[in-house]
Amino acid sequence: MSRIRLHPTTARRSRRLAAATAVAATTAALLASALSPGAVAAGRPTRAGAVENAASALLAHAASLGLTSAEGTSVRDVIVDADGTQHVRYDRTYRRLPVLGGDFVVHLTPDGKYRGANRATRSEISLASIVPSISAPKAADLAANALRAVNLGETLKQLTAKPHLVVDALHGTPKLAWRTQVAAKDSLGNPVARTVLTDAKTGRQIDAWDDIETATGDGKSLYSGTVPLETTLSGSTYQLKDPTRGNTYTGDAANKTDLCFLTSICISRAPSTVFTDTDNHWGTGATSDRSSAAVDAQYGTDVTWDFYKNTFGRNGIGGDGKGSYNRVHYGNAYNNAFWDDSCFCMTYGDGDGTTFGPLVSLDVAGHEMTHGVTSKTAALTYSGESGGLNEATSDILGTLVEWYANNSSDPGDYLIGEKIVKSGFGRDALRYMDKPSKDGNSADYWSSSVGNLDVHYSSGVANHFAYLLAEGSGAKTINGVSYNSPTSNGSTVTGIGRDKLGRIWYRALTVYMTSSTNYAGARTATLNAAKDLYGAGSTEYNAVAAAWSAVNVN
């Protein structure tokens, strides 16, 4: 699971838009600057050059992007393709308030000319006032009650709620709203948290979503057998810290938990005391040795890092070469694992021993760390159809991490969490990509009600699409696992392979998807990605269209 912040702490450059009457003069000045020798390096444009080109495009195309003098923008992410094509992702403010659904991506040709844009929403923002009728304390109380409502029967302790005023453009006509992050601990000391969006004029709840993305599981330690590890020698002692992957390390949480407010402001955190060893041979493969779970966690981080770097050229989860860290043995009998943006870390519970065991399997690591990638790129809102796509992104790319590892102790498959479930769970995996409804809750196909499902179940539509795109429809056995994937329209889908699935989905996520992308938008985004990678009308492009139609996304 992941604690999502709607505004990642990426290095940002803020720029206020000029008033409409002054746009022409300002545009000319910025164009001259953007086209100066330092703006774009010879050959492939630099990141800074792409930002300057995009800044010029914003001024020249402000009207078509819905930007006015009341709005400001900040750069969230920049991608420069091998051929020099540039994609600059922005967040937006209105009268200095963050705009939910205000994000957009500007696309530029290799020579820096404006090619188009993807916008999370197209609603014009024009508020008569940014003074709320509902007070901040009242918004906090409403959010606290919303958290209690989804934790009925629990005595919540250390509950905190702090509202922030925003402009909500995600849910119809833009309106002033309170975005309140409310957090507490349950009776076992485990964190519970929720973001509640409240109409600042009426007090009506607009939306709410979990701030902790769960991947409940259980399993044996050392799921992946004996694995290679890069470590750091300090004096005569080895540390479980990998200097080749951004100094990623694994530490012992000592069965303690975090004391945090609003999921990200922490008075104290469970420790992450780095594991050490005298002979550089770690763990015994048994849960009685605390370093055994640490081996799995470190290995999962290593493989996920390598998958993103060697497949997509992404240098670390944040794309900046910075290593994350892992905490194992979090809490007592904690049946969960989560990625937390605020500490840039992965945290693993030991499970209760009946339903789940230690939650340190490969696909769990790949799933949770992919939430970190999503938060740094499209930042898909963890609610409705975009929330389902957020979860599916972690399932899809986490599954590809498992295939990438090519580990004989944990062969690649299209089952989610199969290594961590125990007999008490009642089935052999958390989710099934070939036919998601086998878990009893997930959707195989899109319908107008899919967005009302829990995001772990609405993700089934995209998971099914991904399986069909990679492997095709019908019955087959892959790596010893039997699958039988149906289609909503009775069609026969021919797969194009896992590698192409991953490349198409990753490009769609990082270049075309936005915070509000729904299933129809995901179809468009993946078709655009396939067109970029393989050409319009290519076998791959047609396969993407066919796989979406097969899950009723047309």
Protein backbone atom coordinates (compact mmCIF):
# COMPACT_ATOMS: atom_id res chain seq x y z
CA MET A 1 0.00 0.00 0.00
CA SER A 2 1.06 3.55 -0.45
CA ARG A 3 0.40 6.79 1.34
CA ILE A 4 -0.35 9.10 -1.55
CA ARG A 5 0.21 12.85 -1.55
CA LEU A 6 -1.55 14.70 -4.32
CA HIS A 7 1.45 16.98 -4.86
CA PRO A 8 4.73 14.96 -4.97
CA THR A 9 7.84 16.72 -3.71
CA THR A 10 9.50 16.76 -7.10
CA ALA A 11 11.80 19.70 -7.83
CA ARG A 12 9.50 22.32 -9.25
CA ARG A 13 9.70 25.55 -11.15
CA SER A 14 6.69 27.79 -10.60
CA ARG A 15 5.67 30.36 -13.17
CA ARG A 16 2.76 32.81 -12.93
CA LEU A 17 0.92 33.31 -16.19
CA ALA A 18 0.79 36.82 -17.56
CA ALA A 19 -2.51 38.65 -17.73
CA ALA A 20 -4.30 38.16 -21.02
CA THR A 21 -3.60 41.72 -22.16
CA ALA A 22 0.13 41.22 -21.73
CA VAL A 23 0.47 37.73 -23.23
CA ALA A 24 1.81 38.83 -26.61
CA ALA A 25 4.73 40.85 -25.27
CA THR A 26 5.67 38.25 -22.67
CA THR A 27 5.46 35.47 -25.24
CA ALA A 28 7.93 37.21 -27.50
CA ALA A 29 10.41 37.64 -24.66
CA LEU A 30 10.16 34.05 -23.53
CA LEU A 31 10.43 32.72 -27.06
CA ALA A 32 13.65 34.64 -27.53
CA SER A 33 14.98 33.15 -24.30
CA ALA A 34 13.80 29.62 -25.12
CA LEU A 35 15.47 29.70 -28.52
CA SER A 36 18.76 31.02 -27.20
CA PRO A 37 21.83 28.74 -27.45
CA GLY A 38 21.55 27.71 -23.79
CA ALA A 39 17.91 26.66 -23.97
CA VAL A 40 18.38 23.51 -26.03
CA ALA A 41 21.66 21.64 -26.26
CA ALA A 42 22.98 20.52 -29.60
CA GLY A 43 21.19 17.34 -30.61
CA ARG A 44 18.78 15.95 -28.06
CA PRO A 45 17.11 18.69 -25.94
CA THR A 46 18.02 18.90 -22.27
CA ARG A 47 15.47 18.74 -19.47
CA ALA A 48 15.96 22.46 -18.86
CA GLY A 49 15.51 23.15 -22.56
CA ALA A 50 12.26 21.17 -22.58
CA VAL A 51 10.98 23.20 -19.62
CA GLU A 52 11.83 26.47 -21.39
CA ASN A 53 10.14 25.31 -24.58
CA ALA A 54 7.07 24.28 -22.62
CA ALA A 55 6.99 27.64 -20.83
CA SER A 56 6.82 29.37 -24.19
CA ALA A 57 4.09 26.99 -25.31
CA LEU A 58 2.05 27.77 -22.17
CA LEU A 59 2.01 31.46 -22.99
CA ALA A 60 1.29 30.96 -26.67
CA HIS A 61 -1.51 28.45 -26.02
CA ALA A 62 -2.84 29.67 -22.67
CA ALA A 63 -6.40 30.01 -23.94
CA SER A 64 -6.61 26.49 -25.36
CA LEU A 65 -5.16 25.11 -22.10
CA GLY A 66 -7.74 27.00 -20.06
CA LEU A 67 -5.09 29.10 -18.31
CA THR A 68 -5.80 32.64 -17.11
CA SER A 69 -3.93 35.29 -15.15
CA ALA A 70 -5.44 33.87 -11.94
CA GLU A 71 -3.62 30.59 -12.42
CA GLY A 72 -0.09 29.39 -11.83
CA THR A 73 1.77 26.27 -12.95
CA SER A 74 4.61 24.15 -11.60
CA VAL A 75 6.58 21.42 -13.36
CA ARG A 76 6.06 17.94 -11.94
CA ASP A 77 7.93 15.77 -14.46
CA VAL A 78 9.84 15.98 -17.74
CA ILE A 79 10.39 13.24 -20.33
CA VAL A 80 12.58 13.70 -23.41
CA ASP A 81 12.28 10.86 -25.94
CA ALA A 82 15.25 9.45 -27.83
CA ASP A 83 14.21 11.44 -30.92
CA GLY A 84 14.00 14.69 -28.94
CA THR A 85 10.22 14.79 -28.54
CA GLN A 86 9.45 16.49 -25.23
CA HIS A 87 6.69 15.94 -22.66
CA VAL A 88 6.40 18.32 -19.70
CA ARG A 89 3.87 17.57 -16.94
CA TYR A 90 2.43 20.42 -14.89
CA ASP A 91 0.38 20.96 -11.75
CA ARG A 92 -1.84 24.02 -11.53
CA THR A 93 -2.93 26.54 -8.92
CA TYR A 94 -5.84 29.00 -8.94
CA ARG A 95 -5.29 32.16 -6.94
CA ARG A 96 -2.49 30.20 -5.25
CA LEU A 97 -4.73 27.30 -4.23
CA PRO A 98 -3.84 23.82 -5.55
CA VAL A 99 -6.23 22.61 -8.25
CA LEU A 100 -7.26 18.97 -8.04
CA GLY A 101 -7.60 17.83 -11.63
CA GLY A 102 -5.68 20.84 -12.87
CA ASP A 103 -2.71 18.81 -14.07
CA PHE A 104 -1.82 18.57 -17.74
CA VAL A 105 0.99 17.38 -20.02
CA VAL A 106 2.40 19.56 -22.79
CA HIS A 107 3.85 17.69 -25.81
CA LEU A 108 6.53 19.31 -27.97
CA THR A 109 8.24 18.31 -31.20
CA PRO A 110 12.04 17.68 -31.19
CA ASP A 111 12.63 21.29 -32.21
CA GLY A 112 10.49 22.55 -29.34
CA LYS A 113 7.27 23.39 -31.18
CA TYR A 114 3.91 22.82 -29.52
CA ARG A 115 2.32 19.52 -30.56
CA GLY A 116 -0.62 19.28 -28.18
CA ALA A 117 -1.57 18.56 -24.59
CA ASN A 118 -3.40 16.13 -22.33
CA ARG A 119 -5.51 17.76 -19.62
CA ALA A 120 -6.96 16.05 -16.56
CA THR A 121 -10.07 18.22 -16.89
CA ARG A 122 -11.26 20.85 -19.35
CA SER A 123 -13.53 22.84 -17.05
CA GLU A 124 -12.88 26.56 -16.94
CA ILE A 125 -12.00 27.74 -13.43
CA SER A 126 -13.80 30.90 -12.37
CA LEU A 127 -14.73 31.23 -8.70
CA ALA A 128 -16.55 34.24 -7.32
CA SER A 129 -14.70 33.86 -4.02
CA ILE A 130 -12.08 31.71 -2.37
CA VAL A 131 -13.45 32.40 1.12
CA PRO A 132 -15.03 29.20 2.51
CA SER A 133 -18.44 29.10 4.20
CA ILE A 134 -17.46 25.95 6.08
CA SER A 135 -14.71 26.59 8.61
CA ALA A 136 -11.52 24.56 8.76
CA PRO A 137 -12.42 23.02 12.18
CA LYS A 138 -15.82 21.98 10.81
CA ALA A 139 -14.15 20.37 7.76
CA ALA A 140 -11.78 18.55 10.11
CA ASP A 141 -14.71 17.19 12.15
CA LEU A 142 -16.51 16.00 9.01
CA ALA A 143 -13.37 14.22 7.82
CA ALA A 144 -12.82 12.59 11.22
CA ASN A 145 -16.39 11.26 11.12
CA ALA A 146 -15.76 9.93 7.62
CA LEU A 147 -12.74 7.96 8.87
CA ARG A 148 -14.75 6.58 11.79
CA ALA A 149 -17.53 5.56 9.39
CA VAL A 150 -15.23 3.26 7.42
CA ASN A 151 -13.74 1.81 10.63
CA LEU A 152 -16.96 0.94 12.45
CA GLY A 153 -16.40 -1.04 15.63
CA GLU A 154 -12.82 0.21 15.97
CA THR A 155 -11.66 2.51 18.72
CA LEU A 156 -9.47 4.96 16.87
CA LYS A 157 -6.64 6.58 18.81
CA GLN A 158 -4.38 9.56 18.16
CA LEU A 159 -6.79 10.85 15.50
CA THR A 160 -5.68 14.00 13.71
CA ALA A 161 -7.19 15.95 10.84
CA LYS A 162 -5.90 19.05 9.12
CA PRO A 163 -7.80 20.58 6.19
CA HIS A 164 -6.24 22.43 3.27
CA LEU A 165 -8.23 24.68 0.97
CA VAL A 166 -8.14 23.62 -2.70
CA VAL A 167 -10.06 24.04 -5.92
CA ASP A 168 -11.75 20.80 -6.95
CA ALA A 169 -11.89 20.43 -10.74
CA LEU A 170 -12.09 16.63 -10.65
CA HIS A 171 -15.80 16.40 -9.91
CA GLY A 172 -17.70 18.53 -12.40
CA THR A 173 -17.88 22.31 -12.20
CA PRO A 174 -14.81 23.59 -10.31
CA LYS A 175 -15.60 24.51 -6.74
CA LEU A 176 -13.87 25.55 -3.54
CA ALA A 177 -13.21 22.54 -1.33
CA TRP A 178 -11.42 21.36 1.78
CA ARG A 179 -9.01 18.49 1.21
CA THR A 180 -8.52 16.93 4.64
CA GLN A 181 -6.05 14.20 5.43
CA VAL A 182 -7.24 12.40 8.54
CA ALA A 183 -5.18 9.72 10.26
CA ALA A 184 -5.37 7.58 13.37
CA LYS A 185 -4.32 4.22 14.80
CA ASP A 186 -6.59 1.25 15.27
CA SER A 187 -6.77 -0.91 18.41
CA LEU A 188 -3.66 -2.84 17.29
CA GLY A 189 -1.66 0.31 16.71
CA ASN A 190 -1.78 0.01 12.91
CA PRO A 191 -2.20 3.19 10.83
CA VAL A 192 -5.51 4.07 9.20
CA ALA A 193 -5.83 7.15 7.04
CA ARG A 194 -8.19 8.76 4.59
CA THR A 195 -8.36 11.85 2.40
CA VAL A 196 -11.78 13.50 2.50
CA LEU A 197 -12.86 16.13 -0.02
CA THR A 198 -15.57 18.46 1.32
CA ASP A 199 -17.48 21.22 -0.46
CA ALA A 200 -16.28 24.39 1.28
CA LYS A 201 -19.63 26.11 0.67
CA THR A 202 -22.12 23.40 1.69
CA GLY A 203 -20.17 20.88 3.78
CA ARG A 204 -21.22 18.05 1.46
CA GLN A 205 -18.68 15.25 1.06
CA ILE A 206 -17.52 15.25 -2.55
CA ASP A 207 -15.26 12.21 -2.43
CA ALA A 208 -13.01 10.25 -0.09
CA TRP A 209 -10.27 7.69 -0.53
CA ASP A 210 -7.79 5.71 1.50
CA ASP A 211 -4.35 7.21 1.96
CA ILE A 212 -2.89 3.77 2.57
CA GLU A 213 -2.99 1.52 -0.49
CA THR A 214 -3.17 -2.01 0.80
CA ALA A 215 -1.73 -5.23 -0.51
CA THR A 216 -2.75 -7.70 2.17
CA GLY A 217 -0.74 -10.91 2.15
CA ASP A 218 1.09 -13.65 3.93
CA GLY A 219 3.77 -16.22 3.06
CA LYS A 220 7.01 -17.92 3.91
CA SER A 221 10.26 -16.05 4.24
CA LEU A 222 12.86 -16.33 1.53
CA TYR A 223 10.24 -16.91 -1.15
CA SER A 224 12.92 -16.51 -3.77
CA GLY A 225 15.47 -18.97 -2.42
CA THR A 226 19.14 -18.01 -2.31
CA VAL A 227 19.65 -14.69 -4.07
CA PRO A 228 22.62 -12.40 -4.81
CA LEU A 229 22.94 -9.21 -2.75
CA GLU A 230 25.14 -6.16 -3.09
CA THR A 231 26.22 -4.98 0.38
CA THR A 232 28.48 -2.37 2.01
CA LEU A 233 31.52 -3.24 4.08
CA SER A 234 31.97 -0.87 7.04
CA GLY A 235 35.05 -1.75 9.01
CA SER A 236 34.77 -5.48 9.61
CA THR A 237 30.97 -5.53 9.36
CA TYR A 238 28.74 -5.83 6.30
CA GLN A 239 25.64 -3.65 6.02
CA LEU A 240 22.57 -4.63 4.02
CA LYS A 241 22.95 -1.47 1.96
CA ASP A 242 23.37 -1.51 -1.82
CA PRO A 243 25.77 1.17 -3.10
CA THR A 244 25.04 0.19 -6.73
CA ARG A 245 21.34 1.09 -6.41
CA GLY A 246 21.30 4.48 -4.74
CA ASN A 247 22.31 3.10 -1.31
CA THR A 248 19.00 1.29 -0.93
CA TYR A 249 19.01 -0.50 2.41
CA THR A 250 16.88 -2.71 4.63
CA GLY A 251 16.35 -2.13 8.35
CA ASP A 252 14.58 -3.73 11.30
CA ALA A 253 11.42 -1.93 12.49
CA ALA A 254 11.64 -3.87 15.79
CA ASN A 255 7.89 -4.59 15.70
CA LYS A 256 7.15 -0.93 16.36
CA THR A 257 4.84 1.42 14.42
CA ASP A 258 4.87 5.04 13.27
CA LEU A 259 3.30 7.90 15.18
CA CYS A 260 2.21 10.17 12.34
CA PHE A 261 -0.29 12.94 11.78
CA LEU A 262 -1.98 13.31 8.40
CA THR A 263 0.00 10.23 7.22
CA SER A 264 3.10 12.30 6.47
CA ILE A 265 3.89 14.45 9.53
CA CYS A 266 5.52 12.02 11.91
CA ILE A 267 6.42 12.68 15.52
CA SER A 268 8.18 9.34 15.61
CA ARG A 269 8.74 6.49 13.20
CA ALA A 270 9.35 2.85 13.73
CA PRO A 271 13.11 2.36 13.47
CA SER A 272 14.88 1.15 10.37
CA THR A 273 18.07 -0.10 11.96
CA VAL A 274 20.16 -1.38 9.08
CA PHE A 275 20.84 -5.11 9.20
CA THR A 276 24.48 -6.12 9.64
CA ASP A 277 26.40 -9.37 9.28
CA THR A 278 29.96 -10.56 9.82
CA ASP A 279 30.41 -12.94 6.87
CA ASN A 280 28.14 -11.44 4.18
CA HIS A 281 25.90 -14.55 4.20
CA TRP A 282 22.44 -13.37 5.29
CA GLY A 283 19.51 -15.21 6.80
CA THR A 284 18.65 -18.88 7.20
CA GLY A 285 15.43 -19.12 5.22
CA ALA A 286 13.44 -19.42 8.45
CA THR A 287 11.25 -16.79 10.09
CA SER A 288 13.09 -17.37 13.36
CA ASP A 289 16.02 -15.48 11.85
CA ARG A 290 14.98 -11.83 11.56
CA SER A 291 17.35 -11.21 8.67
CA SER A 292 15.60 -13.80 6.45
CA ALA A 293 12.70 -11.43 5.72
CA ALA A 294 15.25 -8.66 5.17
CA VAL A 295 16.87 -10.71 2.40
CA ASP A 296 13.56 -10.95 0.55
CA ALA A 297 12.86 -7.24 0.99
CA GLN A 298 16.28 -6.19 -0.24
CA TYR A 299 16.11 -8.61 -3.17
CA GLY A 300 12.65 -7.33 -4.15
CA THR A 301 13.95 -3.75 -4.13
CA ASP A 302 16.97 -4.73 -6.23
CA VAL A 303 14.91 -6.53 -8.86
CA THR A 304 12.35 -3.72 -9.06
CA TRP A 305 15.13 -1.14 -9.48
CA ASP A 306 16.75 -3.24 -12.24
CA PHE A 307 13.43 -3.83 -13.99
CA TYR A 308 12.67 -0.11 -14.29
CA LYS A 309 16.23 0.83 -15.22
CA ASN A 310 16.92 -1.91 -17.76
CA THR A 311 13.44 -1.93 -19.31
CA PHE A 312 12.52 1.77 -19.35
CA GLY A 313 15.74 3.60 -18.52
CA ARG A 314 14.22 4.85 -15.26
CA ASN A 315 16.92 5.45 -12.64
CA GLY A 316 15.19 4.56 -9.39
CA ILE A 317 11.59 4.91 -8.29
CA GLY A 318 11.71 8.70 -8.47
CA GLY A 319 13.76 8.68 -11.66
CA ASP A 320 16.50 10.59 -9.85
CA GLY A 321 18.89 7.80 -8.82
CA LYS A 322 17.82 8.08 -5.19
CA GLY A 323 17.53 4.78 -3.33
CA SER A 324 14.54 3.98 -1.15
CA TYR A 325 14.76 1.87 1.97
CA ASN A 326 12.87 -1.05 3.50
CA ARG A 327 11.57 -1.71 6.99
CA VAL A 328 10.70 -5.29 7.92
CA HIS A 329 9.02 -6.63 11.08
CA TYR A 330 6.68 -3.63 11.30
CA GLY A 331 4.06 -3.82 14.08
CA ASN A 332 2.72 -7.05 15.53
CA ALA A 333 1.10 -9.62 13.23
CA TYR A 334 0.63 -6.78 10.73
CA ASN A 335 -1.14 -8.20 7.65
CA ASN A 336 0.05 -5.57 5.25
CA ALA A 337 2.85 -3.85 3.36
CA PHE A 338 2.94 -0.30 2.08
CA TRP A 339 4.91 2.24 0.11
CA ASP A 340 5.09 5.63 1.85
CA ASP A 341 6.02 8.71 -0.20
CA SER A 342 6.76 10.77 2.89
CA CYS A 343 9.70 8.56 3.89
CA PHE A 344 10.36 7.20 0.38
CA CYS A 345 10.31 3.73 1.89
CA MET A 346 8.73 0.30 1.81
CA THR A 347 7.34 -1.20 5.01
CA TYR A 348 6.50 -4.88 5.52
CA GLY A 349 4.49 -6.62 8.23
CA ASP A 350 5.08 -10.20 9.35
CA GLY A 351 1.47 -11.31 8.86
CA ASP A 352 -0.64 -13.15 11.39
CA GLY A 353 0.69 -16.59 10.49
CA THR A 354 -2.78 -17.93 9.62
CA THR A 355 -4.07 -15.80 6.76
CA PHE A 356 -0.75 -14.33 5.71
CA GLY A 357 2.92 -14.63 6.59
CA PRO A 358 5.75 -12.12 6.02
CA LEU A 359 4.69 -9.85 3.18
CA VAL A 360 8.06 -9.70 1.43
CA SER A 361 7.41 -11.53 -1.85
CA LEU A 362 8.65 -10.28 -5.21
CA ASP A 363 5.30 -9.23 -6.64
CA VAL A 364 4.37 -7.40 -3.42
CA ALA A 365 7.61 -5.42 -3.61
CA GLY A 366 7.08 -4.65 -7.30
CA HIS A 367 3.45 -3.70 -6.70
CA GLU A 368 4.06 -1.36 -3.78
CA MET A 369 7.13 0.35 -5.22
CA THR A 370 5.20 0.97 -8.44
CA HIS A 371 2.83 3.11 -6.38
CA GLY A 372 5.87 5.32 -5.88
CA VAL A 373 6.42 5.50 -9.65
CA THR A 374 2.75 6.38 -10.20
CA SER A 375 2.87 9.16 -7.60
CA LYS A 376 5.88 10.70 -9.35
CA THR A 377 4.21 10.56 -12.79
CA ALA A 378 0.46 10.43 -13.50
CA ALA A 379 -0.51 10.58 -9.79
CA LEU A 380 -3.75 8.73 -10.54
CA THR A 381 -6.32 9.75 -7.92
CA TYR A 382 -6.97 6.82 -5.57
CA SER A 383 -10.72 6.89 -6.08
CA GLY A 384 -13.24 5.81 -8.73
CA GLU A 385 -11.96 4.54 -12.07
CA SER A 386 -8.65 6.38 -11.73
CA GLY A 387 -8.13 4.57 -8.43
CA GLY A 388 -8.72 1.23 -10.15
CA LEU A 389 -6.15 2.19 -12.76
CA ASN A 390 -3.71 3.16 -9.99
CA GLU A 391 -4.04 -0.29 -8.40
CA ALA A 392 -3.93 -2.04 -11.78
CA THR A 393 -0.74 -0.19 -12.69
CA SER A 394 0.90 -1.70 -9.61
CA ASP A 395 -0.51 -5.15 -10.37
CA ILE A 396 0.56 -5.01 -14.02
CA LEU A 397 4.08 -3.67 -13.54
CA GLY A 398 4.58 -5.61 -10.29
CA THR A 399 3.73 -8.79 -12.19
CA LEU A 400 6.25 -7.84 -14.87
CA VAL A 401 8.88 -7.39 -12.12
CA GLU A 402 8.26 -11.01 -11.12
CA TRP A 403 8.64 -12.18 -14.73
CA TYR A 404 11.76 -10.04 -15.12
CA ALA A 405 13.42 -11.72 -12.11
CA ASN A 406 13.30 -15.13 -13.83
CA ASN A 407 13.66 -16.77 -10.42
CA SER A 408 13.09 -20.53 -10.35
CA SER A 409 11.81 -20.36 -6.75
CA ASP A 410 9.17 -17.82 -7.73
CA PRO A 411 8.42 -18.25 -11.45
CA GLY A 412 6.56 -15.52 -13.31
CA ASP A 413 2.77 -15.80 -13.37
CA TYR A 414 -0.40 -13.73 -13.61
CA LEU A 415 -1.42 -14.36 -10.00
CA ILE A 416 -1.13 -11.54 -7.46
CA GLY A 417 0.28 -12.42 -4.03
CA GLU A 418 0.30 -16.19 -4.56
CA LYS A 419 3.42 -16.62 -2.41
CA ILE A 420 2.12 -14.80 0.64
CA VAL A 421 -1.32 -16.36 1.18
CA LYS A 422 -1.82 -19.15 3.69
CA SER A 423 -4.58 -21.74 4.04
CA GLY A 424 -6.60 -19.40 6.25
CA PHE A 425 -7.07 -17.03 3.32
CA GLY A 426 -9.23 -19.54 1.48
CA ARG A 427 -7.76 -19.30 -2.01
CA ASP A 428 -4.37 -19.50 -3.71
CA ALA A 429 -3.85 -15.80 -4.61
CA LEU A 430 -5.12 -12.32 -3.86
CA ARG A 431 -6.11 -11.55 -7.47
CA TYR A 432 -6.16 -13.21 -10.90
CA MET A 433 -5.34 -11.27 -14.05
CA ASP A 434 -6.69 -13.73 -16.63
CA LYS A 435 -10.17 -13.72 -15.08
CA PRO A 436 -10.31 -11.23 -12.20
CA SER A 437 -13.76 -12.32 -11.02
CA LYS A 438 -12.22 -15.57 -9.73
CA ASP A 439 -11.47 -13.70 -6.50
CA GLY A 440 -15.21 -13.25 -5.94
CA ASN A 441 -15.16 -9.45 -6.12
CA SER A 442 -13.17 -8.05 -9.04
CA ALA A 443 -14.69 -6.93 -12.33
CA ASP A 444 -13.81 -8.78 -15.54
CA TYR A 445 -15.33 -6.08 -17.77
CA TRP A 446 -16.09 -2.39 -17.67
CA SER A 447 -19.58 -1.15 -16.81
CA SER A 448 -20.87 2.22 -15.70
CA SER A 449 -20.82 1.04 -12.08
CA VAL A 450 -17.17 -0.08 -12.02
CA GLY A 451 -16.05 3.21 -10.48
CA ASN A 452 -18.19 2.49 -7.43
CA LEU A 453 -16.16 -0.61 -6.52
CA ASP A 454 -13.22 -0.70 -4.14
CA VAL A 455 -10.16 0.20 -6.19
CA HIS A 456 -8.66 -3.27 -5.67
CA TYR A 457 -11.70 -4.72 -7.48
CA SER A 458 -12.26 -2.07 -10.15
CA SER A 459 -8.63 -2.72 -11.10
CA GLY A 460 -9.80 -6.02 -12.56
CA VAL A 461 -10.80 -4.41 -15.87
CA ALA A 462 -7.27 -3.15 -16.57
CA ASN A 463 -5.65 -6.31 -15.20
CA HIS A 464 -7.79 -8.37 -17.59
CA PHE A 465 -6.88 -6.05 -20.47
CA ALA A 466 -3.19 -6.46 -19.64
CA TYR A 467 -3.38 -10.25 -19.57
CA LEU A 468 -5.23 -10.33 -22.89
CA LEU A 469 -2.77 -7.92 -24.50
CA ALA A 470 0.21 -9.99 -23.36
CA GLU A 471 -1.10 -13.55 -23.74
CA GLY A 472 -4.39 -13.46 -25.63
CA SER A 473 -7.73 -15.08 -24.85
CA GLY A 474 -8.74 -18.69 -24.26
CA ALA A 475 -7.29 -21.61 -22.32
CA LYS A 476 -3.53 -22.11 -22.01
CA THR A 477 -0.84 -23.18 -19.58
CA ILE A 478 2.09 -20.82 -18.93
CA ASN A 479 4.97 -21.70 -16.60
CA GLY A 480 2.89 -24.55 -15.23
CA VAL A 481 -0.13 -22.39 -14.36
CA SER A 482 -3.45 -22.88 -16.18
CA TYR A 483 -5.34 -19.83 -17.41
CA ASN A 484 -8.59 -19.38 -19.31
CA SER A 485 -9.29 -15.78 -20.21
CA PRO A 486 -12.73 -14.88 -21.62
CA THR A 487 -13.81 -11.79 -23.58
CA SER A 488 -16.95 -9.69 -23.15
CA ASN A 489 -17.70 -9.62 -26.88
CA GLY A 490 -16.85 -13.22 -27.72
CA SER A 491 -13.80 -12.15 -29.70
CA THR A 492 -10.50 -13.99 -29.95
CA VAL A 493 -7.59 -11.81 -28.87
CA THR A 494 -4.02 -12.57 -29.92
CA GLY A 495 -1.37 -11.44 -27.44
CA ILE A 496 1.71 -9.42 -28.31
CA GLY A 497 3.86 -10.47 -25.33
CA ARG A 498 4.77 -9.12 -21.91
CA ASP A 499 7.59 -6.88 -23.11
CA LYS A 500 5.34 -4.87 -25.41
CA LEU A 501 2.58 -4.74 -22.79
CA GLY A 502 5.04 -3.21 -20.32
CA ARG A 503 6.42 -0.68 -22.76
CA ILE A 504 2.95 0.46 -23.84
CA TRP A 505 1.58 0.73 -20.30
CA TYR A 506 4.65 2.54 -18.93
CA ARG A 507 4.62 5.12 -21.73
CA ALA A 508 0.89 5.67 -21.29
CA LEU A 509 1.41 6.17 -17.54
CA THR A 510 4.34 8.54 -17.80
CA VAL A 511 3.39 10.51 -20.90
CA TYR A 512 -0.39 10.52 -21.39
CA MET A 513 -2.28 9.64 -18.19
CA THR A 514 -3.26 12.32 -15.68
CA SER A 515 -4.74 12.33 -12.19
CA SER A 516 -8.30 11.94 -13.51
CA THR A 517 -7.75 9.34 -16.24
CA ASN A 518 -10.64 6.86 -16.37
CA TYR A 519 -10.98 3.66 -18.39
CA ALA A 520 -11.96 5.46 -21.58
CA GLY A 521 -8.96 7.73 -21.08
CA ALA A 522 -6.71 4.71 -20.46
CA ARG A 523 -7.77 3.26 -23.80
CA THR A 524 -6.83 6.52 -25.52
CA ALA A 525 -3.55 6.81 -23.57
CA THR A 526 -2.42 3.26 -24.42
CA LEU A 527 -3.39 3.68 -28.07
CA ASN A 528 -1.32 6.87 -28.19
CA ALA A 529 1.55 5.00 -26.55
CA ALA A 530 1.28 2.12 -29.04
CA LYS A 531 1.21 4.60 -31.92
CA ASP A 532 4.35 6.30 -30.60
CA LEU A 533 6.20 3.02 -30.12
CA TYR A 534 4.99 0.90 -33.04
CA GLY A 535 3.00 3.13 -35.40
CA ALA A 536 -0.68 3.79 -36.04
CA GLY A 537 -2.36 0.76 -37.57
CA SER A 538 0.47 -1.54 -36.45
CA THR A 539 -0.20 -5.02 -35.09
CA GLU A 540 0.50 -3.70 -31.60
CA TYR A 541 -1.84 -0.72 -32.02
CA ASN A 542 -4.65 -2.95 -33.24
CA ALA A 543 -4.02 -5.43 -30.42
CA VAL A 544 -4.42 -2.67 -27.83
CA ALA A 545 -7.75 -1.68 -29.36
CA ALA A 546 -8.91 -5.30 -29.51
CA ALA A 547 -7.92 -6.03 -25.89
CA TRP A 548 -9.81 -2.99 -24.59
CA SER A 549 -12.89 -3.91 -26.62
CA ALA A 550 -12.66 -7.42 -25.16
CA VAL A 551 -13.14 -5.93 -21.67
CA ASN A 552 -15.93 -3.61 -22.89
CA VAL A 553 -13.90 -0.40 -23.00
CA ASN A 554 -14.71 1.05 -26.42
